[in-house]
Amino acid sequence: MIVIILLIVVVAIASTCIKIVPQARAYVIEFLGAYKTTWSTGIYFKIPFFERIAKNINLKEQVIDFPPQPVITKDNVTMQIDTVIFFQITDPKLYCYGVENPIVAIENLTSTTLRNIIGDMELDETLTSRDIINKKMGISLDEATDPWGIKVNRVELKNIMPPAAIRESMEKQMKAERERREAILIAEGEKKSNILVAEGKKQSAILEAEAEKQAAILKAEAEKEKRIKEAEGQAEAILKVQKANAQGIEMLKEAGADESVLTLKSLEALSKVADGNATKIIIPSDIQGIAGLATSIKEIMTK
């Protein structure tokens, strides 16, 4: 019975001494109070009563958000700045034995470094140089925490809060800047609108002038065509009259008209002239002149 009890106790103690270290963790092991080794991911057996796990270390990247710290700029403006630190434990032994309270030490170191950096900068430079401040603080903290087995990956200034009076002044300045930009945008819009209107009027005037030009050209072409048609009509009428006269003379010639017929025709022509609207009629002084006129016409017909 005693043996069974002893076996049960031994098995219980042995089971408590079997340790499994999970991923991204590290166990710092002490032997009789002194550092012995560091266990990484795996399964281990701890010697009972002589070995103990001094510290369970988290090897993941960790984030610390420190409360706002009062800092004074080069131009004596006091403002509040809160900082966020991203760090990772790289050496569990140094982290366990390098400093008493690593998180408090990092906070104090961050506050001191921030005051040193901001103290060399004026307010306006501080507000516009956040990336530069982050980089400087990251380098300084990484160097300072290296003996503690800590690596500072990056530092971010979460908020920069100037005094209330300065914030109010900055808000007024920002409002004035927004109004100025708005006025510029409105002026630019009006300018573009005026340009578009002027361009539209210009195009309209060009189109109207072009239309008038085309109308004038068409009108001139029509007038020209009209005159050509009238001239062609007059020429055709003249040709027809001349043709009729030629045909009449030809008919007289073919008919073998004598002097008496020609004289008679001359008298008929004179009668037609007399029937006209002319107020003055010039005729030969005697019939001999008419006979001479008939003789001339006969000669023309003969030729």
C-alpha atoms as a PDB file:
ATOM      1  CA  MET A   1       0.000   0.000   0.000  1.00  0.00           C
ATOM      2  CA  ILE A   2       2.774   2.407   0.890  1.00  0.00           C
ATOM      3  CA  VAL A   3       4.552   1.530  -2.342  1.00  0.00           C
ATOM      4  CA  ILE A   4       1.450   2.314  -4.345  1.00  0.00           C
ATOM      5  CA  ILE A   5       1.091   5.642  -2.596  1.00  0.00           C
ATOM      6  CA  LEU A   6       4.729   6.454  -3.268  1.00  0.00           C
ATOM      7  CA  LEU A   7       4.282   5.553  -6.948  1.00  0.00           C
ATOM      8  CA  ILE A   8       1.255   7.785  -7.201  1.00  0.00           C
ATOM      9  CA  VAL A   9       3.169  10.674  -5.603  1.00  0.00           C
ATOM     10  CA  VAL A  10       6.147  10.123  -7.917  1.00  0.00           C
ATOM     11  CA  VAL A  11       3.917  10.031 -10.972  1.00  0.00           C
ATOM     12  CA  ALA A  12       2.121  13.192  -9.870  1.00  0.00           C
ATOM     13  CA  ILE A  13       5.401  15.018  -9.257  1.00  0.00           C
ATOM     14  CA  ALA A  14       6.819  13.799 -12.570  1.00  0.00           C
ATOM     15  CA  SER A  15       3.712  14.909 -14.445  1.00  0.00           C
ATOM     16  CA  THR A  16       4.056  18.392 -13.005  1.00  0.00           C
ATOM     17  CA  CYS A  17       7.685  18.489 -14.090  1.00  0.00           C
ATOM     18  CA  ILE A  18       6.920  17.807 -17.745  1.00  0.00           C
ATOM     19  CA  LYS A  19       6.598  21.198 -19.487  1.00  0.00           C
ATOM     20  CA  ILE A  20       5.636  22.086 -23.040  1.00  0.00           C
ATOM     21  CA  VAL A  21       6.741  25.505 -24.287  1.00  0.00           C
ATOM     22  CA  PRO A  22       4.247  26.846 -26.906  1.00  0.00           C
ATOM     23  CA  GLN A  23       5.041  28.857 -30.024  1.00  0.00           C
ATOM     24  CA  ALA A  24       6.305  32.441 -29.537  1.00  0.00           C
ATOM     25  CA  ARG A  25       7.039  31.818 -25.844  1.00  0.00           C
ATOM     26  CA  ALA A  26      10.261  31.278 -23.864  1.00  0.00           C
ATOM     27  CA  TYR A  27      10.825  30.001 -20.321  1.00  0.00           C
ATOM     28  CA  VAL A  28      13.719  31.294 -18.247  1.00  0.00           C
ATOM     29  CA  ILE A  29      14.930  28.389 -15.995  1.00  0.00           C
ATOM     30  CA  GLU A  30      16.767  28.845 -12.700  1.00  0.00           C
ATOM     31  CA  PHE A  31      18.646  26.113 -10.816  1.00  0.00           C
ATOM     32  CA  LEU A  32      18.764  26.708  -7.081  1.00  0.00           C
ATOM     33  CA  GLY A  33      18.017  30.428  -7.671  1.00  0.00           C
ATOM     34  CA  ALA A  34      20.623  30.989 -10.394  1.00  0.00           C
ATOM     35  CA  TYR A  35      19.983  31.321 -14.117  1.00  0.00           C
ATOM     36  CA  LYS A  36      20.502  27.985 -15.855  1.00  0.00           C
ATOM     37  CA  THR A  37      18.997  28.120 -19.378  1.00  0.00           C
ATOM     38  CA  THR A  38      16.173  29.343 -21.595  1.00  0.00           C
ATOM     39  CA  TRP A  39      13.658  26.937 -22.997  1.00  0.00           C
ATOM     40  CA  SER A  40      12.275  27.703 -26.468  1.00  0.00           C
ATOM     41  CA  THR A  41       9.360  25.940 -28.182  1.00  0.00           C
ATOM     42  CA  GLY A  42       9.279  22.215 -27.322  1.00  0.00           C
ATOM     43  CA  ILE A  43       8.816  19.661 -24.491  1.00  0.00           C
ATOM     44  CA  TYR A  44      11.085  19.655 -21.412  1.00  0.00           C
ATOM     45  CA  PHE A  45      11.473  17.904 -18.040  1.00  0.00           C
ATOM     46  CA  LYS A  46      12.095  20.124 -15.022  1.00  0.00           C
ATOM     47  CA  ILE A  47      14.060  18.717 -12.104  1.00  0.00           C
ATOM     48  CA  PRO A  48      11.700  18.896  -9.169  1.00  0.00           C
ATOM     49  CA  PHE A  49      12.631  20.995  -6.142  1.00  0.00           C
ATOM     50  CA  PHE A  50      15.879  22.217  -7.820  1.00  0.00           C
ATOM     51  CA  GLU A  51      14.711  23.902 -11.021  1.00  0.00           C
ATOM     52  CA  ARG A  52      11.957  26.437 -11.449  1.00  0.00           C
ATOM     53  CA  ILE A  53      10.533  28.579 -14.244  1.00  0.00           C
ATOM     54  CA  ALA A  54      11.673  32.052 -13.297  1.00  0.00           C
ATOM     55  CA  LYS A  55       9.790  33.864 -16.082  1.00  0.00           C
ATOM     56  CA  ASN A  56       7.431  33.084 -18.916  1.00  0.00           C
ATOM     57  CA  ILE A  57       8.436  35.426 -21.760  1.00  0.00           C
ATOM     58  CA  ASN A  58       6.177  36.535 -24.615  1.00  0.00           C
ATOM     59  CA  LEU A  59       8.256  36.804 -27.803  1.00  0.00           C
ATOM     60  CA  LYS A  60       5.525  38.455 -29.919  1.00  0.00           C
ATOM     61  CA  GLU A  61       5.613  42.125 -30.844  1.00  0.00           C
ATOM     62  CA  GLN A  62       3.922  44.098 -28.092  1.00  0.00           C
ATOM     63  CA  VAL A  63       2.347  47.549 -27.997  1.00  0.00           C
ATOM     64  CA  ILE A  64       2.432  49.993 -25.112  1.00  0.00           C
ATOM     65  CA  ASP A  65       0.315  53.154 -25.140  1.00  0.00           C
ATOM     66  CA  PHE A  66       1.801  55.616 -22.659  1.00  0.00           C
ATOM     67  CA  PRO A  67      -0.345  58.434 -21.216  1.00  0.00           C
ATOM     68  CA  PRO A  68       0.305  62.038 -22.358  1.00  0.00           C
ATOM     69  CA  GLN A  69       3.625  63.495 -21.273  1.00  0.00           C
ATOM     70  CA  PRO A  70       4.121  67.270 -20.748  1.00  0.00           C
ATOM     71  CA  VAL A  71       6.932  68.631 -22.909  1.00  0.00           C
ATOM     72  CA  ILE A  72       8.255  72.141 -23.551  1.00  0.00           C
ATOM     73  CA  THR A  73       9.281  73.324 -27.008  1.00  0.00           C
ATOM     74  CA  LYS A  74      12.231  75.545 -27.845  1.00  0.00           C
ATOM     75  CA  ASP A  75       9.947  78.613 -27.915  1.00  0.00           C
ATOM     76  CA  ASN A  76       8.621  77.770 -24.391  1.00  0.00           C
ATOM     77  CA  VAL A  77       5.263  76.290 -25.322  1.00  0.00           C
ATOM     78  CA  THR A  78       4.064  73.470 -23.069  1.00  0.00           C
ATOM     79  CA  MET A  79       2.039  70.742 -24.730  1.00  0.00           C
ATOM     80  CA  GLN A  80       0.932  67.204 -24.054  1.00  0.00           C
ATOM     81  CA  ILE A  81       2.161  64.302 -26.205  1.00  0.00           C
ATOM     82  CA  ASP A  82       1.162  60.678 -25.825  1.00  0.00           C
ATOM     83  CA  THR A  83       3.317  57.987 -27.370  1.00  0.00           C
ATOM     84  CA  VAL A  84       2.803  54.447 -28.652  1.00  0.00           C
ATOM     85  CA  ILE A  85       5.775  52.030 -28.531  1.00  0.00           C
ATOM     86  CA  PHE A  86       6.027  48.831 -30.595  1.00  0.00           C
ATOM     87  CA  PHE A  87       8.671  46.522 -29.158  1.00  0.00           C
ATOM     88  CA  GLN A  88       9.730  42.879 -29.085  1.00  0.00           C
ATOM     89  CA  ILE A  89      11.781  40.825 -26.602  1.00  0.00           C
ATOM     90  CA  THR A  90      14.824  39.376 -28.348  1.00  0.00           C
ATOM     91  CA  ASP A  91      16.827  38.059 -25.371  1.00  0.00           C
ATOM     92  CA  PRO A  92      14.735  36.532 -22.553  1.00  0.00           C
ATOM     93  CA  LYS A  93      17.735  36.341 -20.176  1.00  0.00           C
ATOM     94  CA  LEU A  94      18.568  40.052 -20.503  1.00  0.00           C
ATOM     95  CA  TYR A  95      14.899  40.962 -20.298  1.00  0.00           C
ATOM     96  CA  CYS A  96      14.573  38.932 -17.072  1.00  0.00           C
ATOM     97  CA  TYR A  97      17.774  40.136 -15.382  1.00  0.00           C
ATOM     98  CA  GLY A  98      18.743  43.339 -17.201  1.00  0.00           C
ATOM     99  CA  VAL A  99      16.302  45.766 -15.575  1.00  0.00           C
ATOM    100  CA  GLU A 100      13.944  45.548 -12.622  1.00  0.00           C
ATOM    101  CA  ASN A 101      10.744  46.647 -14.403  1.00  0.00           C
ATOM    102  CA  PRO A 102      11.254  46.820 -18.180  1.00  0.00           C
ATOM    103  CA  ILE A 103       7.902  48.497 -19.015  1.00  0.00           C
ATOM    104  CA  VAL A 104       8.340  51.265 -16.446  1.00  0.00           C
ATOM    105  CA  ALA A 105      11.928  51.720 -17.605  1.00  0.00           C
ATOM    106  CA  ILE A 106      10.770  52.086 -21.230  1.00  0.00           C
ATOM    107  CA  GLU A 107       8.119  54.620 -20.216  1.00  0.00           C
ATOM    108  CA  ASN A 108      10.634  56.766 -18.315  1.00  0.00           C
ATOM    109  CA  LEU A 109      13.132  56.483 -21.148  1.00  0.00           C
ATOM    110  CA  THR A 110      10.469  57.484 -23.666  1.00  0.00           C
ATOM    111  CA  SER A 111       9.492  60.557 -21.645  1.00  0.00           C
ATOM    112  CA  THR A 112      13.138  61.683 -21.283  1.00  0.00           C
ATOM    113  CA  THR A 113      13.935  61.126 -24.970  1.00  0.00           C
ATOM    114  CA  LEU A 114      10.788  62.953 -26.057  1.00  0.00           C
ATOM    115  CA  ARG A 115      11.649  66.004 -23.917  1.00  0.00           C
ATOM    116  CA  ASN A 116      15.164  66.116 -25.336  1.00  0.00           C
ATOM    117  CA  ILE A 117      13.967  65.989 -28.953  1.00  0.00           C
ATOM    118  CA  ILE A 118      11.046  68.429 -28.569  1.00  0.00           C
ATOM    119  CA  GLY A 119      13.220  70.827 -26.551  1.00  0.00           C
ATOM    120  CA  ASP A 120      15.315  71.480 -29.660  1.00  0.00           C
ATOM    121  CA  MET A 121      12.285  72.252 -31.855  1.00  0.00           C
ATOM    122  CA  GLU A 122       9.831  75.139 -32.048  1.00  0.00           C
ATOM    123  CA  LEU A 123       6.067  74.659 -31.956  1.00  0.00           C
ATOM    124  CA  ASP A 124       5.450  74.932 -35.700  1.00  0.00           C
ATOM    125  CA  GLU A 125       8.310  72.552 -36.432  1.00  0.00           C
ATOM    126  CA  THR A 126       6.975  70.090 -33.860  1.00  0.00           C
ATOM    127  CA  LEU A 127       3.527  70.047 -35.457  1.00  0.00           C
ATOM    128  CA  THR A 128       4.895  69.460 -38.952  1.00  0.00           C
ATOM    129  CA  SER A 129       7.765  67.071 -38.169  1.00  0.00           C
ATOM    130  CA  ARG A 130       5.989  64.108 -36.625  1.00  0.00           C
ATOM    131  CA  ASP A 131       7.759  61.569 -38.852  1.00  0.00           C
ATOM    132  CA  ILE A 132      11.166  63.017 -37.974  1.00  0.00           C
ATOM    133  CA  ILE A 133      10.367  62.856 -34.254  1.00  0.00           C
ATOM    134  CA  ASN A 134       9.160  59.251 -34.573  1.00  0.00           C
ATOM    135  CA  LYS A 135      12.357  58.236 -36.342  1.00  0.00           C
ATOM    136  CA  LYS A 136      14.653  59.955 -33.826  1.00  0.00           C
ATOM    137  CA  MET A 137      12.820  58.434 -30.874  1.00  0.00           C
ATOM    138  CA  GLY A 138      12.868  54.978 -32.437  1.00  0.00           C
ATOM    139  CA  ILE A 139      16.641  55.088 -32.921  1.00  0.00           C
ATOM    140  CA  SER A 140      17.313  56.426 -29.400  1.00  0.00           C
ATOM    141  CA  LEU A 141      15.014  53.944 -27.639  1.00  0.00           C
ATOM    142  CA  ASP A 142      16.290  50.970 -29.626  1.00  0.00           C
ATOM    143  CA  GLU A 143      19.881  51.753 -28.641  1.00  0.00           C
ATOM    144  CA  ALA A 144      18.955  52.343 -24.983  1.00  0.00           C
ATOM    145  CA  THR A 145      16.862  49.173 -24.614  1.00  0.00           C
ATOM    146  CA  ASP A 146      19.302  46.842 -26.352  1.00  0.00           C
ATOM    147  CA  PRO A 147      21.055  45.900 -23.022  1.00  0.00           C
ATOM    148  CA  TRP A 148      17.641  44.876 -21.679  1.00  0.00           C
ATOM    149  CA  GLY A 149      17.045  42.332 -24.465  1.00  0.00           C
ATOM    150  CA  ILE A 150      14.369  44.559 -26.028  1.00  0.00           C
ATOM    151  CA  LYS A 151      14.156  45.769 -29.610  1.00  0.00           C
ATOM    152  CA  VAL A 152      12.036  48.867 -30.274  1.00  0.00           C
ATOM    153  CA  ASN A 153      10.590  48.392 -33.755  1.00  0.00           C
ATOM    154  CA  ARG A 154       8.947  51.802 -34.074  1.00  0.00           C
ATOM    155  CA  VAL A 155       7.568  54.760 -32.149  1.00  0.00           C
ATOM    156  CA  GLU A 156       4.436  56.740 -33.004  1.00  0.00           C
ATOM    157  CA  LEU A 157       3.295  60.075 -31.578  1.00  0.00           C
ATOM    158  CA  LYS A 158      -0.398  59.430 -31.074  1.00  0.00           C
ATOM    159  CA  ASN A 159      -1.499  62.968 -30.209  1.00  0.00           C
ATOM    160  CA  ILE A 160       0.170  66.367 -30.003  1.00  0.00           C
ATOM    161  CA  MET A 161      -1.976  68.736 -27.941  1.00  0.00           C
ATOM    162  CA  PRO A 162      -0.864  72.388 -27.692  1.00  0.00           C
ATOM    163  CA  PRO A 163      -2.413  74.704 -25.079  1.00  0.00           C
ATOM    164  CA  ALA A 164      -6.072  75.705 -25.542  1.00  0.00           C
ATOM    165  CA  ALA A 165      -5.256  79.278 -26.611  1.00  0.00           C
ATOM    166  CA  ILE A 166      -2.856  78.065 -29.290  1.00  0.00           C
ATOM    167  CA  ARG A 167      -5.335  75.444 -30.482  1.00  0.00           C
ATOM    168  CA  GLU A 168      -8.007  78.132 -30.817  1.00  0.00           C
ATOM    169  CA  SER A 169      -5.615  80.348 -32.764  1.00  0.00           C
ATOM    170  CA  MET A 170      -4.658  77.436 -34.998  1.00  0.00           C
ATOM    171  CA  GLU A 171      -8.306  76.627 -35.648  1.00  0.00           C
ATOM    172  CA  LYS A 172      -8.957  80.247 -36.670  1.00  0.00           C
ATOM    173  CA  GLN A 173      -5.941  80.151 -38.953  1.00  0.00           C
ATOM    174  CA  MET A 174      -7.085  76.880 -40.487  1.00  0.00           C
ATOM    175  CA  LYS A 175     -10.577  78.314 -40.986  1.00  0.00           C
ATOM    176  CA  ALA A 176      -9.146  81.383 -42.705  1.00  0.00           C
ATOM    177  CA  GLU A 177      -7.000  79.142 -44.917  1.00  0.00           C
ATOM    178  CA  ARG A 178     -10.035  77.046 -45.854  1.00  0.00           C
ATOM    179  CA  GLU A 179     -12.015  80.182 -46.694  1.00  0.00           C
ATOM    180  CA  ARG A 180      -9.120  81.481 -48.792  1.00  0.00           C
ATOM    181  CA  ARG A 181      -8.912  78.219 -50.716  1.00  0.00           C
ATOM    182  CA  GLU A 182     -12.683  78.226 -51.172  1.00  0.00           C
ATOM    183  CA  ALA A 183     -12.535  81.783 -52.568  1.00  0.00           C
ATOM    184  CA  ILE A 184      -9.752  80.734 -54.943  1.00  0.00           C
ATOM    185  CA  LEU A 185     -11.769  77.750 -56.137  1.00  0.00           C
ATOM    186  CA  ILE A 186     -14.861  79.926 -56.659  1.00  0.00           C
ATOM    187  CA  ALA A 187     -12.812  82.497 -58.591  1.00  0.00           C
ATOM    188  CA  GLU A 188     -11.280  79.759 -60.708  1.00  0.00           C
ATOM    189  CA  GLY A 189     -14.737  78.359 -61.388  1.00  0.00           C
ATOM    190  CA  GLU A 190     -16.090  81.776 -62.412  1.00  0.00           C
ATOM    191  CA  LYS A 191     -13.050  82.357 -64.621  1.00  0.00           C
ATOM    192  CA  LYS A 192     -13.555  79.038 -66.379  1.00  0.00           C
ATOM    193  CA  SER A 193     -17.279  79.765 -66.721  1.00  0.00           C
ATOM    194  CA  ASN A 194     -16.572  83.160 -68.297  1.00  0.00           C
ATOM    195  CA  ILE A 195     -14.064  81.580 -70.648  1.00  0.00           C
ATOM    196  CA  LEU A 196     -16.608  78.970 -71.706  1.00  0.00           C
ATOM    197  CA  VAL A 197     -19.290  81.646 -72.243  1.00  0.00           C
ATOM    198  CA  ALA A 198     -16.886  83.799 -74.282  1.00  0.00           C
ATOM    199  CA  GLU A 199     -15.831  80.775 -76.284  1.00  0.00           C
ATOM    200  CA  GLY A 200     -19.476  79.937 -76.937  1.00  0.00           C
ATOM    201  CA  LYS A 201     -20.202  83.487 -78.109  1.00  0.00           C
ATOM    202  CA  LYS A 202     -17.135  83.391 -80.321  1.00  0.00           C
ATOM    203  CA  GLN A 203     -18.214  80.133 -81.911  1.00  0.00           C
ATOM    204  CA  SER A 204     -21.739  81.492 -82.345  1.00  0.00           C
ATOM    205  CA  ALA A 205     -20.435  84.654 -84.064  1.00  0.00           C
ATOM    206  CA  ILE A 206     -18.216  82.542 -86.317  1.00  0.00           C
ATOM    207  CA  LEU A 207     -21.149  80.324 -87.268  1.00  0.00           C
ATOM    208  CA  GLU A 208     -23.396  83.345 -87.939  1.00  0.00           C
ATOM    209  CA  ALA A 209     -20.720  84.983 -90.095  1.00  0.00           C
ATOM    210  CA  GLU A 210     -20.207  81.730 -91.952  1.00  0.00           C
ATOM    211  CA  ALA A 211     -23.957  81.416 -92.501  1.00  0.00           C
ATOM    212  CA  GLU A 212     -24.181  84.982 -93.816  1.00  0.00           C
ATOM    213  CA  LYS A 213     -21.237  84.329 -96.093  1.00  0.00           C
ATOM    214  CA  GLN A 214     -22.853  81.197 -97.488  1.00  0.00           C
ATOM    215  CA  ALA A 215     -26.159  83.049 -97.939  1.00  0.00           C
ATOM    216  CA  ALA A 216     -24.406  85.867 -99.819  1.00  0.00           C
ATOM    217  CA  ILE A 217     -22.593  83.363-102.021  1.00  0.00           C
ATOM    218  CA  LEU A 218     -25.833  81.521-102.785  1.00  0.00           C
ATOM    219  CA  LYS A 219     -27.601  84.814-103.517  1.00  0.00           C
ATOM    220  CA  ALA A 220     -24.813  85.915-105.872  1.00  0.00           C
ATOM    221  CA  GLU A 221     -24.841  82.535-107.570  1.00  0.00           C
ATOM    222  CA  ALA A 222     -28.613  82.790-108.045  1.00  0.00           C
ATOM    223  CA  GLU A 223     -28.340  86.334-109.449  1.00  0.00           C
ATOM    224  CA  LYS A 224     -25.580  85.202-111.774  1.00  0.00           C
ATOM    225  CA  GLU A 225     -27.647  82.241-112.935  1.00  0.00           C
ATOM    226  CA  LYS A 226     -30.640  84.527-113.495  1.00  0.00           C
ATOM    227  CA  ARG A 227     -28.641  86.952-115.630  1.00  0.00           C
ATOM    228  CA  ILE A 228     -27.148  84.093-117.615  1.00  0.00           C
ATOM    229  CA  LYS A 229     -30.627  82.707-118.291  1.00  0.00           C
ATOM    230  CA  GLU A 230     -31.933  86.148-119.306  1.00  0.00           C
ATOM    231  CA  ALA A 231     -28.942  86.682-121.638  1.00  0.00           C
ATOM    232  CA  GLU A 232     -29.435  83.234-123.131  1.00  0.00           C
ATOM    233  CA  GLY A 233     -33.146  84.001-123.679  1.00  0.00           C
ATOM    234  CA  GLN A 234     -32.392  87.313-125.343  1.00  0.00           C
ATOM    235  CA  ALA A 235     -29.728  85.717-127.531  1.00  0.00           C
ATOM    236  CA  GLU A 236     -32.123  82.940-128.503  1.00  0.00           C
ATOM    237  CA  ALA A 237     -34.828  85.500-129.347  1.00  0.00           C
ATOM    238  CA  ILE A 238     -32.400  87.468-131.498  1.00  0.00           C
ATOM    239  CA  LEU A 239     -31.334  84.288-133.253  1.00  0.00           C
ATOM    240  CA  LYS A 240     -34.956  83.373-133.940  1.00  0.00           C
ATOM    241  CA  VAL A 241     -35.688  86.886-135.331  1.00  0.00           C
ATOM    242  CA  GLN A 242     -32.595  86.753-137.512  1.00  0.00           C
ATOM    243  CA  LYS A 243     -33.536  83.277-138.670  1.00  0.00           C
ATOM    244  CA  ALA A 244     -37.058  84.441-139.497  1.00  0.00           C
ATOM    245  CA  ASN A 245     -35.720  87.410-141.468  1.00  0.00           C
ATOM    246  CA  ALA A 246     -33.309  85.162-143.315  1.00  0.00           C
ATOM    247  CA  GLN A 247     -36.113  82.747-144.114  1.00  0.00           C
ATOM    248  CA  GLY A 248     -38.295  85.637-145.384  1.00  0.00           C
ATOM    249  CA  ILE A 249     -35.580  86.924-147.640  1.00  0.00           C
ATOM    250  CA  GLU A 250     -34.937  83.384-148.868  1.00  0.00           C
ATOM    251  CA  MET A 251     -38.612  82.968-149.681  1.00  0.00           C
ATOM    252  CA  LEU A 252     -38.669  86.252-151.596  1.00  0.00           C
ATOM    253  CA  LYS A 253     -35.614  85.176-153.459  1.00  0.00           C
ATOM    254  CA  GLU A 254     -37.109  81.805-154.341  1.00  0.00           C
ATOM    255  CA  ALA A 255     -40.353  83.508-155.416  1.00  0.00           C
ATOM    256  CA  GLY A 256     -38.452  85.621-157.977  1.00  0.00           C
ATOM    257  CA  ALA A 257     -39.792  88.924-156.643  1.00  0.00           C
ATOM    258  CA  ASP A 258     -39.513  91.828-159.198  1.00  0.00           C
ATOM    259  CA  GLU A 259     -39.079  95.507-158.538  1.00  0.00           C
ATOM    260  CA  SER A 260     -42.765  96.128-158.184  1.00  0.00           C
ATOM    261  CA  VAL A 261     -43.121  93.487-155.477  1.00  0.00           C
ATOM    262  CA  LEU A 262     -40.098  94.855-153.609  1.00  0.00           C
ATOM    263  CA  THR A 263     -41.533  98.326-153.882  1.00  0.00           C
ATOM    264  CA  LEU A 264     -44.820  97.080-152.526  1.00  0.00           C
ATOM    265  CA  LYS A 265     -43.057  95.370-149.628  1.00  0.00           C
ATOM    266  CA  SER A 266     -41.196  98.550-148.891  1.00  0.00           C
ATOM    267  CA  LEU A 267     -44.422 100.463-148.777  1.00  0.00           C
ATOM    268  CA  GLU A 268     -45.892  97.812-146.415  1.00  0.00           C
ATOM    269  CA  ALA A 269     -42.848  98.199-144.178  1.00  0.00           C
ATOM    270  CA  LEU A 270     -43.373 101.949-144.190  1.00  0.00           C
ATOM    271  CA  SER A 271     -46.998 101.480-143.256  1.00  0.00           C
ATOM    272  CA  LYS A 272     -46.000  99.287-140.315  1.00  0.00           C
ATOM    273  CA  VAL A 273     -43.552 101.903-139.212  1.00  0.00           C
ATOM    274  CA  ALA A 274     -46.273 104.484-139.426  1.00  0.00           C
ATOM    275  CA  ASP A 275     -48.524 102.347-137.233  1.00  0.00           C
ATOM    276  CA  GLY A 276     -45.878 102.393-134.457  1.00  0.00           C
ATOM    277  CA  ASN A 277     -45.569 104.680-131.484  1.00  0.00           C
ATOM    278  CA  ALA A 278     -42.891 106.901-133.000  1.00  0.00           C
ATOM    279  CA  THR A 279     -43.788 110.577-133.207  1.00  0.00           C
ATOM    280  CA  LYS A 280     -41.464 111.251-136.098  1.00  0.00           C
ATOM    281  CA  ILE A 281     -41.165 109.190-139.313  1.00  0.00           C
ATOM    282  CA  ILE A 282     -38.491 109.827-141.923  1.00  0.00           C
ATOM    283  CA  ILE A 283     -39.387 108.619-145.407  1.00  0.00           C
ATOM    284  CA  PRO A 284     -37.797 109.266-148.798  1.00  0.00           C
ATOM    285  CA  SER A 285     -38.758 112.576-150.428  1.00  0.00           C
ATOM    286  CA  ASP A 286     -40.117 110.944-153.565  1.00  0.00           C
ATOM    287  CA  ILE A 287     -41.099 107.565-154.825  1.00  0.00           C
ATOM    288  CA  GLN A 288     -37.858 107.416-156.734  1.00  0.00           C
ATOM    289  CA  GLY A 289     -36.155 106.993-153.388  1.00  0.00           C
ATOM    290  CA  ILE A 290     -38.450 104.099-152.619  1.00  0.00           C
ATOM    291  CA  ALA A 291     -37.611 102.534-155.957  1.00  0.00           C
ATOM    292  CA  GLY A 292     -33.945 102.979-155.173  1.00  0.00           C
ATOM    293  CA  LEU A 293     -34.503 101.291-151.804  1.00  0.00           C
ATOM    294  CA  ALA A 294     -36.252  98.404-153.555  1.00  0.00           C
ATOM    295  CA  THR A 295     -33.435  98.056-156.025  1.00  0.00           C
ATOM    296  CA  SER A 296     -30.936  97.857-153.123  1.00  0.00           C
ATOM    297  CA  ILE A 297     -33.000  95.152-151.450  1.00  0.00           C
ATOM    298  CA  LYS A 298     -33.114  93.230-154.707  1.00  0.00           C
ATOM    299  CA  GLU A 299     -29.351  93.400-155.048  1.00  0.00           C
ATOM    300  CA  ILE A 300     -28.982  92.071-151.495  1.00  0.00           C
ATOM    301  CA  MET A 301     -31.359  89.199-152.245  1.00  0.00           C
ATOM    302  CA  THR A 302     -29.519  88.415-155.476  1.00  0.00           C
ATOM    303  CA  LYS A 303     -26.224  88.222-153.646  1.00  0.00           C
END
